[in-house]
Amino acid sequence: MRFSNALSALLLLASLAASAPAGAQYFRDSNYWKTHRREISAGIGISNFLGELGGRNQIGSPFVWDLEMSQTKPTFSLGYRYYVAKSLAVRAAGTYGVLAGHDNLTKEVFRQNRNLSFRSNIIEGQVCFEWHPFQEAPGHLYDLRGVKGMAPSRTGLYVFAGVGGFYFNPMAQIDGAWVELQPLHTEGQGLPNGPEEYALMQLCIPMGIGVRRPLNKTMTIGLELQYTKTFTDYIDDVSGVYYDKTALAENFGLLSAYLSDPSLGAVPGQTATGQQRGYSEHNDGYLFLKAQLHYKLFKYKTSGKKFRTRIRRQKVVF
């Protein structure tokens, strides 16, 4: 009798599942991600410059080996993400940050004597692909409203890379005022035997890694580290060699000549015409470290108004 009752119950459940496909909407399956494939993100964090004007007590080094933490500045971002597959997403994002560097932060003799400095706002736009090998799992395992327990909350991990463009405008401070450096041609850009003039809009390759942690079904917090490779060495207006200061004064004014060489005079001959001013073998780069909030633009699998209302109100209690 007990076996007969159990068999009847199983047959009843099977028939209900077959006759009510809408009920399967409650349970997560391989297509669950399609209802959560769109997100908007907002981030706040810090930015840092990687270039000639670092600050460590050593000869200038590429990548993060010359990172000067005292020049850390704020950054803000907004983005939109779309999952094209369960673990693959494409995103578009915009970021505003500030980059800065100053030779007076180092005790390395030649760099300190050079005494160059800069500050630049930076605005970046990017399109990146993301791979999510480990994904966070917000909400109940079976997506049942009102059910407690069995609530996955594992941390997600992703990596990303893409292409972008950015705007920068290096400036130096003199007598309390900020002066734009690019129009001053401080390395003789555009003059005979000088380098070409550089543009303030450049291409870049952003790349990095991030982690995510769910707060609830629609909101996720995360931390993201981005390194941006650029194709310019003039974010800080420093790259090549010292140009003849008399020629700079004649063509662009006394301010150009002074800001090309504000050295302290502690190393005789260091800033003579043709001597090394920067290091053109390595382009500049920058870092963003952002805390982010992601919000999923939830979409129900059916467009039926009654079903959406029933799902919102449904509360299952065991």
C-alpha atoms as a PDB file:
ATOM      1  CA  MET A   1       0.000   0.000   0.000  1.00  0.00           C
ATOM      2  CA  ARG A   2       2.811   2.466   0.913  1.00  0.00           C
ATOM      3  CA  PHE A   3       4.651   1.675  -2.318  1.00  0.00           C
ATOM      4  CA  SER A   4       1.440   2.196  -4.292  1.00  0.00           C
ATOM      5  CA  ASN A   5       0.828   5.584  -2.635  1.00  0.00           C
ATOM      6  CA  ALA A   6       4.418   6.723  -3.257  1.00  0.00           C
ATOM      7  CA  LEU A   7       4.201   5.641  -6.899  1.00  0.00           C
ATOM      8  CA  SER A   8       0.908   7.508  -7.321  1.00  0.00           C
ATOM      9  CA  ALA A   9       2.442  10.646  -5.805  1.00  0.00           C
ATOM     10  CA  LEU A  10       5.427  10.476  -8.149  1.00  0.00           C
ATOM     11  CA  LEU A  11       3.158  10.022 -11.176  1.00  0.00           C
ATOM     12  CA  LEU A  12       1.061  12.996 -10.046  1.00  0.00           C
ATOM     13  CA  LEU A  13       4.131  15.233  -9.708  1.00  0.00           C
ATOM     14  CA  ALA A  14       5.406  14.153 -13.112  1.00  0.00           C
ATOM     15  CA  SER A  15       2.068  14.929 -14.742  1.00  0.00           C
ATOM     16  CA  LEU A  16       1.926  18.348 -13.078  1.00  0.00           C
ATOM     17  CA  ALA A  17       5.424  19.168 -14.296  1.00  0.00           C
ATOM     18  CA  ALA A  18       4.546  18.120 -17.833  1.00  0.00           C
ATOM     19  CA  SER A  19       1.239  20.017 -17.910  1.00  0.00           C
ATOM     20  CA  ALA A  20       2.567  23.237 -16.311  1.00  0.00           C
ATOM     21  CA  PRO A  21       5.722  24.363 -18.090  1.00  0.00           C
ATOM     22  CA  ALA A  22       5.407  27.764 -16.460  1.00  0.00           C
ATOM     23  CA  GLY A  23       6.273  26.118 -13.161  1.00  0.00           C
ATOM     24  CA  ALA A  24       9.705  25.288 -14.478  1.00  0.00           C
ATOM     25  CA  GLN A  25      10.386  28.974 -14.571  1.00  0.00           C
ATOM     26  CA  TYR A  26      11.109  28.797 -10.845  1.00  0.00           C
ATOM     27  CA  PHE A  27      14.116  26.544 -11.218  1.00  0.00           C
ATOM     28  CA  ARG A  28      17.516  27.578 -12.463  1.00  0.00           C
ATOM     29  CA  ASP A  29      18.613  25.807 -15.604  1.00  0.00           C
ATOM     30  CA  SER A  30      21.273  26.356 -18.242  1.00  0.00           C
ATOM     31  CA  ASN A  31      19.312  29.311 -19.637  1.00  0.00           C
ATOM     32  CA  TYR A  32      18.824  31.140 -16.336  1.00  0.00           C
ATOM     33  CA  TRP A  33      21.550  33.671 -17.208  1.00  0.00           C
ATOM     34  CA  LYS A  34      19.500  34.924 -20.157  1.00  0.00           C
ATOM     35  CA  THR A  35      17.086  36.637 -17.786  1.00  0.00           C
ATOM     36  CA  HIS A  36      19.991  38.458 -16.114  1.00  0.00           C
ATOM     37  CA  ARG A  37      22.191  39.230 -19.087  1.00  0.00           C
ATOM     38  CA  ARG A  38      22.133  43.041 -18.910  1.00  0.00           C
ATOM     39  CA  GLU A  39      23.820  45.124 -16.205  1.00  0.00           C
ATOM     40  CA  ILE A  40      24.693  48.695 -15.441  1.00  0.00           C
ATOM     41  CA  SER A  41      27.709  49.462 -13.262  1.00  0.00           C
ATOM     42  CA  ALA A  42      29.028  52.397 -11.289  1.00  0.00           C
ATOM     43  CA  GLY A  43      32.468  52.577  -9.740  1.00  0.00           C
ATOM     44  CA  ILE A  44      34.633  54.787  -7.565  1.00  0.00           C
ATOM     45  CA  GLY A  45      38.287  54.282  -6.823  1.00  0.00           C
ATOM     46  CA  ILE A  46      41.843  55.444  -7.382  1.00  0.00           C
ATOM     47  CA  SER A  47      44.158  56.055 -10.338  1.00  0.00           C
ATOM     48  CA  ASN A  48      47.924  56.130 -10.652  1.00  0.00           C
ATOM     49  CA  PHE A  49      50.399  57.051 -13.372  1.00  0.00           C
ATOM     50  CA  LEU A  50      53.111  54.826 -14.847  1.00  0.00           C
ATOM     51  CA  GLY A  51      55.684  56.913 -16.723  1.00  0.00           C
ATOM     52  CA  GLU A  52      58.819  59.034 -16.477  1.00  0.00           C
ATOM     53  CA  LEU A  53      57.592  61.093 -13.535  1.00  0.00           C
ATOM     54  CA  GLY A  54      57.318  58.472 -10.840  1.00  0.00           C
ATOM     55  CA  GLY A  55      58.831  59.060  -7.450  1.00  0.00           C
ATOM     56  CA  ARG A  56      60.698  56.034  -6.132  1.00  0.00           C
ATOM     57  CA  ASN A  57      64.314  56.490  -5.048  1.00  0.00           C
ATOM     58  CA  GLN A  58      65.779  54.818  -8.116  1.00  0.00           C
ATOM     59  CA  ILE A  59      66.376  55.344 -11.818  1.00  0.00           C
ATOM     60  CA  GLY A  60      63.051  55.386 -13.659  1.00  0.00           C
ATOM     61  CA  SER A  61      61.670  51.883 -14.312  1.00  0.00           C
ATOM     62  CA  PRO A  62      58.847  50.690 -16.576  1.00  0.00           C
ATOM     63  CA  PHE A  63      55.443  49.292 -15.593  1.00  0.00           C
ATOM     64  CA  VAL A  64      54.622  49.206 -11.841  1.00  0.00           C
ATOM     65  CA  TRP A  65      58.215  49.269 -10.579  1.00  0.00           C
ATOM     66  CA  ASP A  66      58.137  53.088 -10.411  1.00  0.00           C
ATOM     67  CA  LEU A  67      54.681  53.415  -8.863  1.00  0.00           C
ATOM     68  CA  GLU A  68      54.393  56.440  -6.564  1.00  0.00           C
ATOM     69  CA  MET A  69      51.544  55.876  -4.096  1.00  0.00           C
ATOM     70  CA  SER A  70      51.580  59.469  -2.826  1.00  0.00           C
ATOM     71  CA  GLN A  71      50.348  60.570  -6.271  1.00  0.00           C
ATOM     72  CA  THR A  72      47.235  58.411  -6.098  1.00  0.00           C
ATOM     73  CA  LYS A  73      44.187  60.327  -7.324  1.00  0.00           C
ATOM     74  CA  PRO A  74      40.418  59.650  -7.530  1.00  0.00           C
ATOM     75  CA  THR A  75      38.575  57.981 -10.388  1.00  0.00           C
ATOM     76  CA  PHE A  76      34.903  57.416 -11.302  1.00  0.00           C
ATOM     77  CA  SER A  77      33.285  55.131 -13.873  1.00  0.00           C
ATOM     78  CA  LEU A  78      29.970  54.114 -15.460  1.00  0.00           C
ATOM     79  CA  GLY A  79      29.409  51.071 -17.626  1.00  0.00           C
ATOM     80  CA  TYR A  80      26.976  48.741 -19.350  1.00  0.00           C
ATOM     81  CA  ARG A  81      27.493  44.968 -19.598  1.00  0.00           C
ATOM     82  CA  TYR A  82      25.761  42.404 -21.828  1.00  0.00           C
ATOM     83  CA  TYR A  83      26.291  38.657 -21.463  1.00  0.00           C
ATOM     84  CA  VAL A  84      26.537  37.050 -24.892  1.00  0.00           C
ATOM     85  CA  ALA A  85      27.015  33.649 -23.260  1.00  0.00           C
ATOM     86  CA  LYS A  86      26.854  32.283 -19.732  1.00  0.00           C
ATOM     87  CA  SER A  87      30.495  33.090 -18.974  1.00  0.00           C
ATOM     88  CA  LEU A  88      31.272  35.644 -21.700  1.00  0.00           C
ATOM     89  CA  ALA A  89      30.238  39.304 -21.644  1.00  0.00           C
ATOM     90  CA  VAL A  90      30.927  42.461 -23.606  1.00  0.00           C
ATOM     91  CA  ARG A  91      30.944  45.820 -21.870  1.00  0.00           C
ATOM     92  CA  ALA A  92      31.152  49.487 -22.725  1.00  0.00           C
ATOM     93  CA  ALA A  93      32.422  51.851 -20.048  1.00  0.00           C
ATOM     94  CA  GLY A  94      33.608  55.369 -19.461  1.00  0.00           C
ATOM     95  CA  THR A  95      36.081  56.423 -16.756  1.00  0.00           C
ATOM     96  CA  TYR A  96      37.258  59.778 -15.452  1.00  0.00           C
ATOM     97  CA  GLY A  97      40.487  59.948 -13.484  1.00  0.00           C
ATOM     98  CA  VAL A  98      43.435  62.150 -12.558  1.00  0.00           C
ATOM     99  CA  LEU A  99      47.113  61.316 -13.155  1.00  0.00           C
ATOM    100  CA  ALA A 100      50.079  63.118 -11.590  1.00  0.00           C
ATOM    101  CA  GLY A 101      53.818  62.898 -10.970  1.00  0.00           C
ATOM    102  CA  HIS A 102      56.608  65.025  -9.549  1.00  0.00           C
ATOM    103  CA  ASP A 103      60.404  64.628  -9.488  1.00  0.00           C
ATOM    104  CA  ASN A 104      60.663  66.243  -6.061  1.00  0.00           C
ATOM    105  CA  LEU A 105      59.228  63.061  -4.523  1.00  0.00           C
ATOM    106  CA  THR A 106      62.376  61.078  -5.245  1.00  0.00           C
ATOM    107  CA  LYS A 107      65.837  61.205  -3.720  1.00  0.00           C
ATOM    108  CA  GLU A 108      67.478  59.813  -6.859  1.00  0.00           C
ATOM    109  CA  VAL A 109      69.965  62.576  -7.734  1.00  0.00           C
ATOM    110  CA  PHE A 110      69.367  63.012 -11.456  1.00  0.00           C
ATOM    111  CA  ARG A 111      65.572  62.810 -11.306  1.00  0.00           C
ATOM    112  CA  GLN A 112      65.359  65.170  -8.374  1.00  0.00           C
ATOM    113  CA  ASN A 113      67.596  67.673 -10.128  1.00  0.00           C
ATOM    114  CA  ARG A 114      65.425  67.426 -13.272  1.00  0.00           C
ATOM    115  CA  ASN A 115      62.521  68.794 -11.166  1.00  0.00           C
ATOM    116  CA  LEU A 116      59.760  68.158 -13.712  1.00  0.00           C
ATOM    117  CA  SER A 117      56.116  67.718 -12.717  1.00  0.00           C
ATOM    118  CA  PHE A 118      52.687  67.320 -14.268  1.00  0.00           C
ATOM    119  CA  ARG A 119      49.035  66.727 -13.621  1.00  0.00           C
ATOM    120  CA  SER A 120      46.394  65.634 -16.121  1.00  0.00           C
ATOM    121  CA  ASN A 121      42.724  64.812 -16.124  1.00  0.00           C
ATOM    122  CA  ILE A 122      42.036  61.693 -18.146  1.00  0.00           C
ATOM    123  CA  ILE A 123      38.798  60.572 -19.773  1.00  0.00           C
ATOM    124  CA  GLU A 124      38.702  57.029 -21.134  1.00  0.00           C
ATOM    125  CA  GLY A 125      36.112  55.156 -23.167  1.00  0.00           C
ATOM    126  CA  GLN A 126      36.438  51.413 -23.740  1.00  0.00           C
ATOM    127  CA  VAL A 127      34.811  48.314 -25.194  1.00  0.00           C
ATOM    128  CA  CYS A 128      36.013  45.088 -23.568  1.00  0.00           C
ATOM    129  CA  PHE A 129      35.312  41.384 -23.588  1.00  0.00           C
ATOM    130  CA  GLU A 130      35.062  39.658 -20.225  1.00  0.00           C
ATOM    131  CA  TRP A 131      35.537  35.991 -19.409  1.00  0.00           C
ATOM    132  CA  HIS A 132      33.926  34.780 -16.179  1.00  0.00           C
ATOM    133  CA  PRO A 133      35.429  31.345 -15.358  1.00  0.00           C
ATOM    134  CA  PHE A 134      33.986  31.547 -11.837  1.00  0.00           C
ATOM    135  CA  GLN A 135      30.609  33.214 -11.433  1.00  0.00           C
ATOM    136  CA  GLU A 136      28.851  34.515  -8.355  1.00  0.00           C
ATOM    137  CA  ALA A 137      25.495  32.852  -7.603  1.00  0.00           C
ATOM    138  CA  PRO A 138      22.989  35.276  -6.073  1.00  0.00           C
ATOM    139  CA  GLY A 139      19.700  34.183  -4.576  1.00  0.00           C
ATOM    140  CA  HIS A 140      18.166  30.807  -3.773  1.00  0.00           C
ATOM    141  CA  LEU A 141      19.392  27.760  -5.634  1.00  0.00           C
ATOM    142  CA  TYR A 142      15.917  27.208  -7.118  1.00  0.00           C
ATOM    143  CA  ASP A 143      14.986  30.896  -7.441  1.00  0.00           C
ATOM    144  CA  LEU A 144      11.943  30.449  -5.153  1.00  0.00           C
ATOM    145  CA  ARG A 145      10.641  33.625  -3.587  1.00  0.00           C
ATOM    146  CA  GLY A 146      10.442  33.534   0.200  1.00  0.00           C
ATOM    147  CA  VAL A 147      12.465  30.351   0.655  1.00  0.00           C
ATOM    148  CA  LYS A 148      15.374  30.571   3.068  1.00  0.00           C
ATOM    149  CA  GLY A 149      18.468  28.417   3.113  1.00  0.00           C
ATOM    150  CA  MET A 150      20.471  26.938   0.263  1.00  0.00           C
ATOM    151  CA  ALA A 151      21.480  30.468  -0.837  1.00  0.00           C
ATOM    152  CA  PRO A 152      24.697  30.310  -2.861  1.00  0.00           C
ATOM    153  CA  SER A 153      26.933  33.315  -2.329  1.00  0.00           C
ATOM    154  CA  ARG A 154      30.244  32.297  -3.849  1.00  0.00           C
ATOM    155  CA  THR A 155      32.585  34.987  -5.175  1.00  0.00           C
ATOM    156  CA  GLY A 156      32.935  35.428  -8.932  1.00  0.00           C
ATOM    157  CA  LEU A 157      36.175  36.040 -10.824  1.00  0.00           C
ATOM    158  CA  TYR A 158      36.663  37.507 -14.300  1.00  0.00           C
ATOM    159  CA  VAL A 159      39.376  38.801 -16.607  1.00  0.00           C
ATOM    160  CA  PHE A 160      38.949  41.352 -19.384  1.00  0.00           C
ATOM    161  CA  ALA A 161      40.702  43.057 -22.288  1.00  0.00           C
ATOM    162  CA  GLY A 162      39.632  45.328 -25.099  1.00  0.00           C
ATOM    163  CA  VAL A 163      40.256  48.548 -26.976  1.00  0.00           C
ATOM    164  CA  GLY A 164      39.585  52.149 -26.084  1.00  0.00           C
ATOM    165  CA  GLY A 165      40.487  55.755 -26.499  1.00  0.00           C
ATOM    166  CA  PHE A 166      41.402  58.420 -23.984  1.00  0.00           C
ATOM    167  CA  TYR A 167      41.850  62.161 -23.696  1.00  0.00           C
ATOM    168  CA  PHE A 168      44.592  63.752 -21.593  1.00  0.00           C
ATOM    169  CA  ASN A 169      46.058  67.238 -21.182  1.00  0.00           C
ATOM    170  CA  PRO A 170      49.303  67.525 -19.177  1.00  0.00           C
ATOM    171  CA  MET A 171      49.696  70.683 -17.087  1.00  0.00           C
ATOM    172  CA  ALA A 172      52.368  72.084 -14.777  1.00  0.00           C
ATOM    173  CA  GLN A 173      51.896  74.474 -11.882  1.00  0.00           C
ATOM    174  CA  ILE A 174      53.769  77.774 -11.797  1.00  0.00           C
ATOM    175  CA  ASP A 175      53.097  80.596  -9.338  1.00  0.00           C
ATOM    176  CA  GLY A 176      49.920  78.839  -8.203  1.00  0.00           C
ATOM    177  CA  ALA A 177      48.440  78.588 -11.726  1.00  0.00           C
ATOM    178  CA  TRP A 178      48.120  75.487 -13.907  1.00  0.00           C
ATOM    179  CA  VAL A 179      49.613  75.862 -17.387  1.00  0.00           C
ATOM    180  CA  GLU A 180      48.917  73.536 -20.321  1.00  0.00           C
ATOM    181  CA  LEU A 181      52.168  71.982 -21.524  1.00  0.00           C
ATOM    182  CA  GLN A 182      51.317  70.674 -24.982  1.00  0.00           C
ATOM    183  CA  PRO A 183      51.009  74.150 -26.617  1.00  0.00           C
ATOM    184  CA  LEU A 184      54.450  75.078 -25.192  1.00  0.00           C
ATOM    185  CA  HIS A 185      56.297  72.379 -27.206  1.00  0.00           C
ATOM    186  CA  THR A 186      58.725  71.809 -24.327  1.00  0.00           C
ATOM    187  CA  GLU A 187      60.799  69.251 -26.250  1.00  0.00           C
ATOM    188  CA  GLY A 188      60.803  71.231 -29.484  1.00  0.00           C
ATOM    189  CA  GLN A 189      57.865  69.428 -31.069  1.00  0.00           C
ATOM    190  CA  GLY A 190      57.424  70.679 -34.614  1.00  0.00           C
ATOM    191  CA  LEU A 191      60.770  72.525 -34.724  1.00  0.00           C
ATOM    192  CA  PRO A 192      63.811  71.454 -36.800  1.00  0.00           C
ATOM    193  CA  ASN A 193      65.294  68.172 -35.507  1.00  0.00           C
ATOM    194  CA  GLY A 194      62.548  68.035 -32.889  1.00  0.00           C
ATOM    195  CA  PRO A 195      59.898  65.305 -32.462  1.00  0.00           C
ATOM    196  CA  GLU A 196      56.437  65.439 -34.005  1.00  0.00           C
ATOM    197  CA  GLU A 197      53.655  67.179 -32.112  1.00  0.00           C
ATOM    198  CA  TYR A 198      51.601  64.768 -30.044  1.00  0.00           C
ATOM    199  CA  ALA A 199      47.805  64.515 -30.016  1.00  0.00           C
ATOM    200  CA  LEU A 200      45.742  64.725 -26.835  1.00  0.00           C
ATOM    201  CA  MET A 201      43.447  61.917 -28.053  1.00  0.00           C
ATOM    202  CA  GLN A 202      45.068  58.488 -28.150  1.00  0.00           C
ATOM    203  CA  LEU A 203      44.208  54.801 -28.497  1.00  0.00           C
ATOM    204  CA  CYS A 204      44.725  52.388 -25.622  1.00  0.00           C
ATOM    205  CA  ILE A 205      44.365  48.750 -24.617  1.00  0.00           C
ATOM    206  CA  PRO A 206      42.687  48.273 -21.216  1.00  0.00           C
ATOM    207  CA  MET A 207      43.086  44.914 -19.476  1.00  0.00           C
ATOM    208  CA  GLY A 208      42.701  43.547 -15.990  1.00  0.00           C
ATOM    209  CA  ILE A 209      40.989  41.339 -13.450  1.00  0.00           C
ATOM    210  CA  GLY A 210      37.996  41.664 -11.157  1.00  0.00           C
ATOM    211  CA  VAL A 211      36.063  39.904  -8.402  1.00  0.00           C
ATOM    212  CA  ARG A 212      32.328  40.059  -7.673  1.00  0.00           C
ATOM    213  CA  ARG A 213      30.162  39.200  -4.689  1.00  0.00           C
ATOM    214  CA  PRO A 214      26.339  39.082  -4.760  1.00  0.00           C
ATOM    215  CA  LEU A 215      24.234  41.210  -2.437  1.00  0.00           C
ATOM    216  CA  ASN A 216      20.894  39.935  -3.671  1.00  0.00           C
ATOM    217  CA  LYS A 217      19.257  38.744  -6.868  1.00  0.00           C
ATOM    218  CA  THR A 218      19.873  41.965  -8.785  1.00  0.00           C
ATOM    219  CA  MET A 219      22.808  43.720  -7.098  1.00  0.00           C
ATOM    220  CA  THR A 220      26.467  42.737  -6.950  1.00  0.00           C
ATOM    221  CA  ILE A 221      29.517  44.473  -5.514  1.00  0.00           C
ATOM    222  CA  GLY A 222      33.002  44.047  -6.894  1.00  0.00           C
ATOM    223  CA  LEU A 223      36.603  45.161  -7.001  1.00  0.00           C
ATOM    224  CA  GLU A 224      38.434  45.653 -10.307  1.00  0.00           C
ATOM    225  CA  LEU A 225      42.069  46.353 -11.177  1.00  0.00           C
ATOM    226  CA  GLN A 226      42.764  47.742 -14.649  1.00  0.00           C
ATOM    227  CA  TYR A 227      46.079  48.372 -16.355  1.00  0.00           C
ATOM    228  CA  THR A 228      45.927  50.474 -19.516  1.00  0.00           C
ATOM    229  CA  LYS A 229      48.604  50.196 -22.176  1.00  0.00           C
ATOM    230  CA  THR A 230      48.919  53.334 -24.301  1.00  0.00           C
ATOM    231  CA  PHE A 231      50.713  54.260 -27.506  1.00  0.00           C
ATOM    232  CA  THR A 232      52.073  57.597 -26.378  1.00  0.00           C
ATOM    233  CA  ASP A 233      54.950  58.636 -24.127  1.00  0.00           C
ATOM    234  CA  TYR A 234      53.635  62.162 -23.605  1.00  0.00           C
ATOM    235  CA  ILE A 235      50.941  61.800 -20.945  1.00  0.00           C
ATOM    236  CA  ASP A 236      53.415  63.614 -18.654  1.00  0.00           C
ATOM    237  CA  ASP A 237      54.865  65.760 -21.509  1.00  0.00           C
ATOM    238  CA  VAL A 238      58.243  64.040 -21.014  1.00  0.00           C
ATOM    239  CA  SER A 239      59.787  61.619 -23.501  1.00  0.00           C
ATOM    240  CA  GLY A 240      62.955  62.587 -25.390  1.00  0.00           C
ATOM    241  CA  VAL A 241      65.851  65.017 -24.972  1.00  0.00           C
ATOM    242  CA  TYR A 242      66.309  68.637 -23.954  1.00  0.00           C
ATOM    243  CA  TYR A 243      65.802  71.083 -26.811  1.00  0.00           C
ATOM    244  CA  ASP A 244      67.648  74.360 -27.275  1.00  0.00           C
ATOM    245  CA  LYS A 245      66.015  76.765 -24.817  1.00  0.00           C
ATOM    246  CA  THR A 246      66.839  79.842 -26.889  1.00  0.00           C
ATOM    247  CA  ALA A 247      64.896  78.399 -29.830  1.00  0.00           C
ATOM    248  CA  LEU A 248      61.983  77.521 -27.553  1.00  0.00           C
ATOM    249  CA  ALA A 249      61.860  81.073 -26.170  1.00  0.00           C
ATOM    250  CA  GLU A 250      61.946  82.571 -29.659  1.00  0.00           C
ATOM    251  CA  ASN A 251      59.181  80.335 -31.017  1.00  0.00           C
ATOM    252  CA  PHE A 252      56.913  79.702 -28.028  1.00  0.00           C
ATOM    253  CA  GLY A 253      57.902  82.219 -25.364  1.00  0.00           C
ATOM    254  CA  LEU A 254      59.927  82.361 -22.164  1.00  0.00           C
ATOM    255  CA  LEU A 255      57.445  80.126 -20.319  1.00  0.00           C
ATOM    256  CA  SER A 256      58.143  77.316 -22.791  1.00  0.00           C
ATOM    257  CA  ALA A 257      61.894  77.621 -22.197  1.00  0.00           C
ATOM    258  CA  TYR A 258      61.496  77.652 -18.419  1.00  0.00           C
ATOM    259  CA  LEU A 259      59.090  74.692 -18.164  1.00  0.00           C
ATOM    260  CA  SER A 260      61.263  72.664 -20.502  1.00  0.00           C
ATOM    261  CA  ASP A 261      64.036  72.876 -17.901  1.00  0.00           C
ATOM    262  CA  PRO A 262      63.078  73.918 -14.341  1.00  0.00           C
ATOM    263  CA  SER A 263      66.082  71.979 -12.997  1.00  0.00           C
ATOM    264  CA  LEU A 264      67.719  72.762  -9.664  1.00  0.00           C
ATOM    265  CA  GLY A 265      71.234  73.090 -11.109  1.00  0.00           C
ATOM    266  CA  ALA A 266      72.695  70.446  -8.799  1.00  0.00           C
ATOM    267  CA  VAL A 267      74.160  68.344 -11.630  1.00  0.00           C
ATOM    268  CA  PRO A 268      76.197  70.467 -14.075  1.00  0.00           C
ATOM    269  CA  GLY A 269      75.504  69.702 -17.746  1.00  0.00           C
ATOM    270  CA  GLN A 270      72.587  67.355 -17.060  1.00  0.00           C
ATOM    271  CA  THR A 271      70.031  69.527 -18.862  1.00  0.00           C
ATOM    272  CA  ALA A 272      72.171  70.765 -21.758  1.00  0.00           C
ATOM    273  CA  THR A 273      70.681  70.635 -25.264  1.00  0.00           C
ATOM    274  CA  GLY A 274      70.525  67.051 -26.493  1.00  0.00           C
ATOM    275  CA  GLN A 275      70.834  65.441 -23.055  1.00  0.00           C
ATOM    276  CA  GLN A 276      68.306  62.855 -21.921  1.00  0.00           C
ATOM    277  CA  ARG A 277      65.083  64.327 -20.571  1.00  0.00           C
ATOM    278  CA  GLY A 278      62.823  61.274 -20.651  1.00  0.00           C
ATOM    279  CA  TYR A 279      62.912  57.668 -21.842  1.00  0.00           C
ATOM    280  CA  SER A 280      61.190  57.202 -25.186  1.00  0.00           C
ATOM    281  CA  GLU A 281      61.730  53.423 -25.321  1.00  0.00           C
ATOM    282  CA  HIS A 282      58.701  52.819 -23.067  1.00  0.00           C
ATOM    283  CA  ASN A 283      55.269  54.371 -23.521  1.00  0.00           C
ATOM    284  CA  ASP A 284      53.270  55.657 -20.571  1.00  0.00           C
ATOM    285  CA  GLY A 285      50.493  53.723 -18.879  1.00  0.00           C
ATOM    286  CA  TYR A 286      48.143  54.034 -15.930  1.00  0.00           C
ATOM    287  CA  LEU A 287      46.226  52.010 -13.353  1.00  0.00           C
ATOM    288  CA  PHE A 288      42.628  52.122 -12.130  1.00  0.00           C
ATOM    289  CA  LEU A 289      41.511  50.324  -8.962  1.00  0.00           C
ATOM    290  CA  LYS A 290      37.741  50.602  -8.513  1.00  0.00           C
ATOM    291  CA  ALA A 291      35.082  49.407  -6.115  1.00  0.00           C
ATOM    292  CA  GLN A 292      31.960  48.796  -8.182  1.00  0.00           C
ATOM    293  CA  LEU A 293      28.247  48.266  -7.806  1.00  0.00           C
ATOM    294  CA  HIS A 294      26.518  46.224 -10.527  1.00  0.00           C
ATOM    295  CA  TYR A 295      22.750  46.245 -11.033  1.00  0.00           C
ATOM    296  CA  LYS A 296      21.073  43.611 -13.198  1.00  0.00           C
ATOM    297  CA  LEU A 297      18.301  44.797 -15.498  1.00  0.00           C
ATOM    298  CA  PHE A 298      16.052  41.809 -14.796  1.00  0.00           C
ATOM    299  CA  LYS A 299      13.940  40.351 -17.578  1.00  0.00           C
ATOM    300  CA  TYR A 300      11.267  37.696 -17.047  1.00  0.00           C
ATOM    301  CA  LYS A 301      11.173  34.820 -19.487  1.00  0.00           C
ATOM    302  CA  THR A 302       7.583  35.505 -20.427  1.00  0.00           C
ATOM    303  CA  SER A 303       5.817  38.697 -21.386  1.00  0.00           C
ATOM    304  CA  GLY A 304       2.546  37.643 -19.755  1.00  0.00           C
ATOM    305  CA  LYS A 305       1.429  40.276 -17.250  1.00  0.00           C
ATOM    306  CA  LYS A 306      -0.470  37.783 -15.072  1.00  0.00           C
ATOM    307  CA  PHE A 307       2.536  35.495 -14.826  1.00  0.00           C
ATOM    308  CA  ARG A 308       4.869  38.348 -13.844  1.00  0.00           C
ATOM    309  CA  THR A 309       2.432  39.437 -11.156  1.00  0.00           C
ATOM    310  CA  ARG A 310       2.127  35.894  -9.828  1.00  0.00           C
ATOM    311  CA  ILE A 311       5.924  35.485  -9.708  1.00  0.00           C
ATOM    312  CA  ARG A 312       6.360  38.702  -7.763  1.00  0.00           C
ATOM    313  CA  ARG A 313       3.729  37.680  -5.197  1.00  0.00           C
ATOM    314  CA  GLN A 314       4.633  34.009  -4.967  1.00  0.00           C
ATOM    315  CA  LYS A 315       5.887  32.891  -1.580  1.00  0.00           C
ATOM    316  CA  VAL A 316       6.668  29.235  -1.049  1.00  0.00           C
ATOM    317  CA  VAL A 317       6.988  27.877   2.479  1.00  0.00           C
ATOM    318  CA  PHE A 318       8.072  24.336   3.335  1.00  0.00           C
END
